[in-house]
Amino acid sequence: MNNAATLMLLTLAAVLEVGGDALARTALHSQAILPVRLGLFAAAALVLFVYGVTVNLPPWDFGRLLGVYVCLFFLVAQIVNFAAFGMRPSPGILAGGALIMAGGLVMTFWRS
């Protein structure tokens, strides 16, 4: 699998994981009637299942790609947190995110 395809698949996995988590969060904190909440939980379970298949299907060394994935997860999580929940990242989140990005770069490009 080439680098572009790998990056796209990891990005899709991050979107699915964050999306499933956001659906579960919405179901937990919703004031909607029970059938609606159960539907949200079912949707979250399905999306998280698809995430699990997506991230584990390719025969890659996921530990090697973990740095890239963690960076993508952080970025997607912040976008969804703002878009879906109206929460802007605090300075602490941004500082921690910078460390996550730096760590991802180190894990991706460090050669022994």
Protein backbone atom coordinates (compact mmCIF):
# COMPACT_ATOMS: atom_id res chain seq x y z
CA MET A 1 0.00 0.00 0.00
CA ASN A 2 1.48 3.37 -0.98
CA ASN A 3 1.83 6.29 1.43
CA ALA A 4 -1.14 8.26 0.04
CA ALA A 5 -3.49 5.27 0.33
CA THR A 6 -2.23 4.56 3.84
CA LEU A 7 -2.79 8.19 4.88
CA MET A 8 -6.30 8.18 3.42
CA LEU A 9 -7.17 4.92 5.19
CA LEU A 10 -5.80 6.20 8.51
CA THR A 11 -7.76 9.43 8.07
CA LEU A 12 -10.93 7.45 7.36
CA ALA A 13 -10.26 5.35 10.47
CA ALA A 14 -9.83 8.51 12.58
CA VAL A 15 -13.07 9.98 11.20
CA LEU A 16 -14.93 6.74 11.95
CA GLU A 17 -13.53 6.44 15.48
CA VAL A 18 -14.23 10.06 16.38
CA GLY A 19 -17.65 9.90 14.72
CA GLY A 20 -18.62 6.77 16.63
CA ASP A 21 -17.46 8.35 19.88
CA ALA A 22 -19.44 11.51 19.09
CA LEU A 23 -22.58 9.45 18.41
CA ALA A 24 -22.16 7.61 21.73
CA ARG A 25 -21.61 10.92 23.55
CA THR A 26 -24.72 12.37 21.95
CA ALA A 27 -26.76 9.32 22.95
CA LEU A 28 -25.49 9.47 26.54
CA HIS A 29 -26.25 13.16 27.03
CA SER A 30 -29.38 13.47 24.91
CA GLN A 31 -32.76 14.29 26.38
CA ALA A 32 -34.42 12.49 23.47
CA ILE A 33 -36.85 9.64 24.00
CA LEU A 34 -35.39 6.19 24.59
CA PRO A 35 -35.87 4.80 21.06
CA VAL A 36 -33.93 7.76 19.62
CA ARG A 37 -31.13 7.29 22.13
CA LEU A 38 -31.00 3.55 21.42
CA GLY A 39 -30.79 4.36 17.71
CA LEU A 40 -27.85 6.65 18.38
CA PHE A 41 -26.14 3.92 20.42
CA ALA A 42 -26.73 1.41 17.62
CA ALA A 43 -25.32 3.85 15.06
CA ALA A 44 -22.29 4.44 17.30
CA ALA A 45 -21.72 0.69 17.63
CA LEU A 46 -21.94 0.22 13.87
CA VAL A 47 -19.58 3.11 13.10
CA LEU A 48 -17.06 1.90 15.69
CA PHE A 49 -17.26 -1.63 14.26
CA VAL A 50 -16.53 -0.28 10.77
CA TYR A 51 -13.63 1.68 12.28
CA GLY A 52 -12.23 -1.51 13.81
CA VAL A 53 -12.40 -3.35 10.51
CA THR A 54 -10.95 -0.39 8.57
CA VAL A 55 -7.95 0.07 10.82
CA ASN A 56 -7.16 -3.65 11.17
CA LEU A 57 -7.84 -5.02 7.68
CA PRO A 58 -4.62 -3.87 5.95
CA PRO A 59 -1.50 -5.93 6.69
CA TRP A 60 0.48 -2.99 8.05
CA ASP A 61 2.68 -2.57 11.08
CA PHE A 62 0.19 -0.44 12.97
CA GLY A 63 2.70 0.28 15.73
CA ARG A 64 4.89 1.96 13.14
CA LEU A 65 1.97 4.06 11.88
CA LEU A 66 0.65 4.87 15.33
CA GLY A 67 2.28 8.31 15.41
CA VAL A 68 0.49 9.37 12.24
CA TYR A 69 -2.79 7.87 13.44
CA VAL A 70 -2.66 9.59 16.84
CA CYS A 71 -2.02 12.94 15.11
CA LEU A 72 -4.93 12.39 12.73
CA PHE A 73 -7.18 11.29 15.59
CA PHE A 74 -6.32 14.44 17.56
CA LEU A 75 -6.99 16.72 14.60
CA VAL A 76 -10.28 15.05 13.66
CA ALA A 77 -11.39 15.02 17.31
CA GLN A 78 -10.83 18.76 17.62
CA ILE A 79 -12.70 19.46 14.38
CA VAL A 80 -15.66 17.32 15.45
CA ASN A 81 -15.62 18.76 18.97
CA PHE A 82 -15.93 22.25 17.51
CA ALA A 83 -18.36 21.41 14.67
CA ALA A 84 -20.69 19.09 16.59
CA PHE A 85 -20.43 20.37 20.15
CA GLY A 86 -19.34 24.02 19.72
CA MET A 87 -16.26 23.56 21.90
CA ARG A 88 -13.14 25.50 20.96
CA PRO A 89 -9.82 23.97 22.02
CA SER A 90 -8.33 25.68 25.05
CA PRO A 91 -4.71 26.84 25.13
CA GLY A 92 -3.86 23.70 27.10
CA ILE A 93 -5.45 21.49 24.44
CA LEU A 94 -3.55 23.36 21.73
CA ALA A 95 -0.26 23.02 23.66
CA GLY A 96 -0.88 19.33 24.26
CA GLY A 97 -1.86 18.94 20.61
CA ALA A 98 1.43 20.49 19.57
CA LEU A 99 3.20 17.87 21.68
CA ILE A 100 1.09 15.13 20.10
CA MET A 101 2.01 16.40 16.64
CA ALA A 102 5.69 16.60 17.59
CA GLY A 103 5.57 13.08 19.00
CA GLY A 104 3.89 11.80 15.86
CA LEU A 105 6.61 13.33 13.73
CA VAL A 106 9.31 11.77 15.91
CA MET A 107 7.67 8.31 15.76
CA THR A 108 7.14 8.61 12.01
CA PHE A 109 10.54 9.87 10.93
CA TRP A 110 12.97 8.54 13.59
CA ARG A 111 15.37 6.07 12.07
CA SER A 112 17.38 3.79 14.35
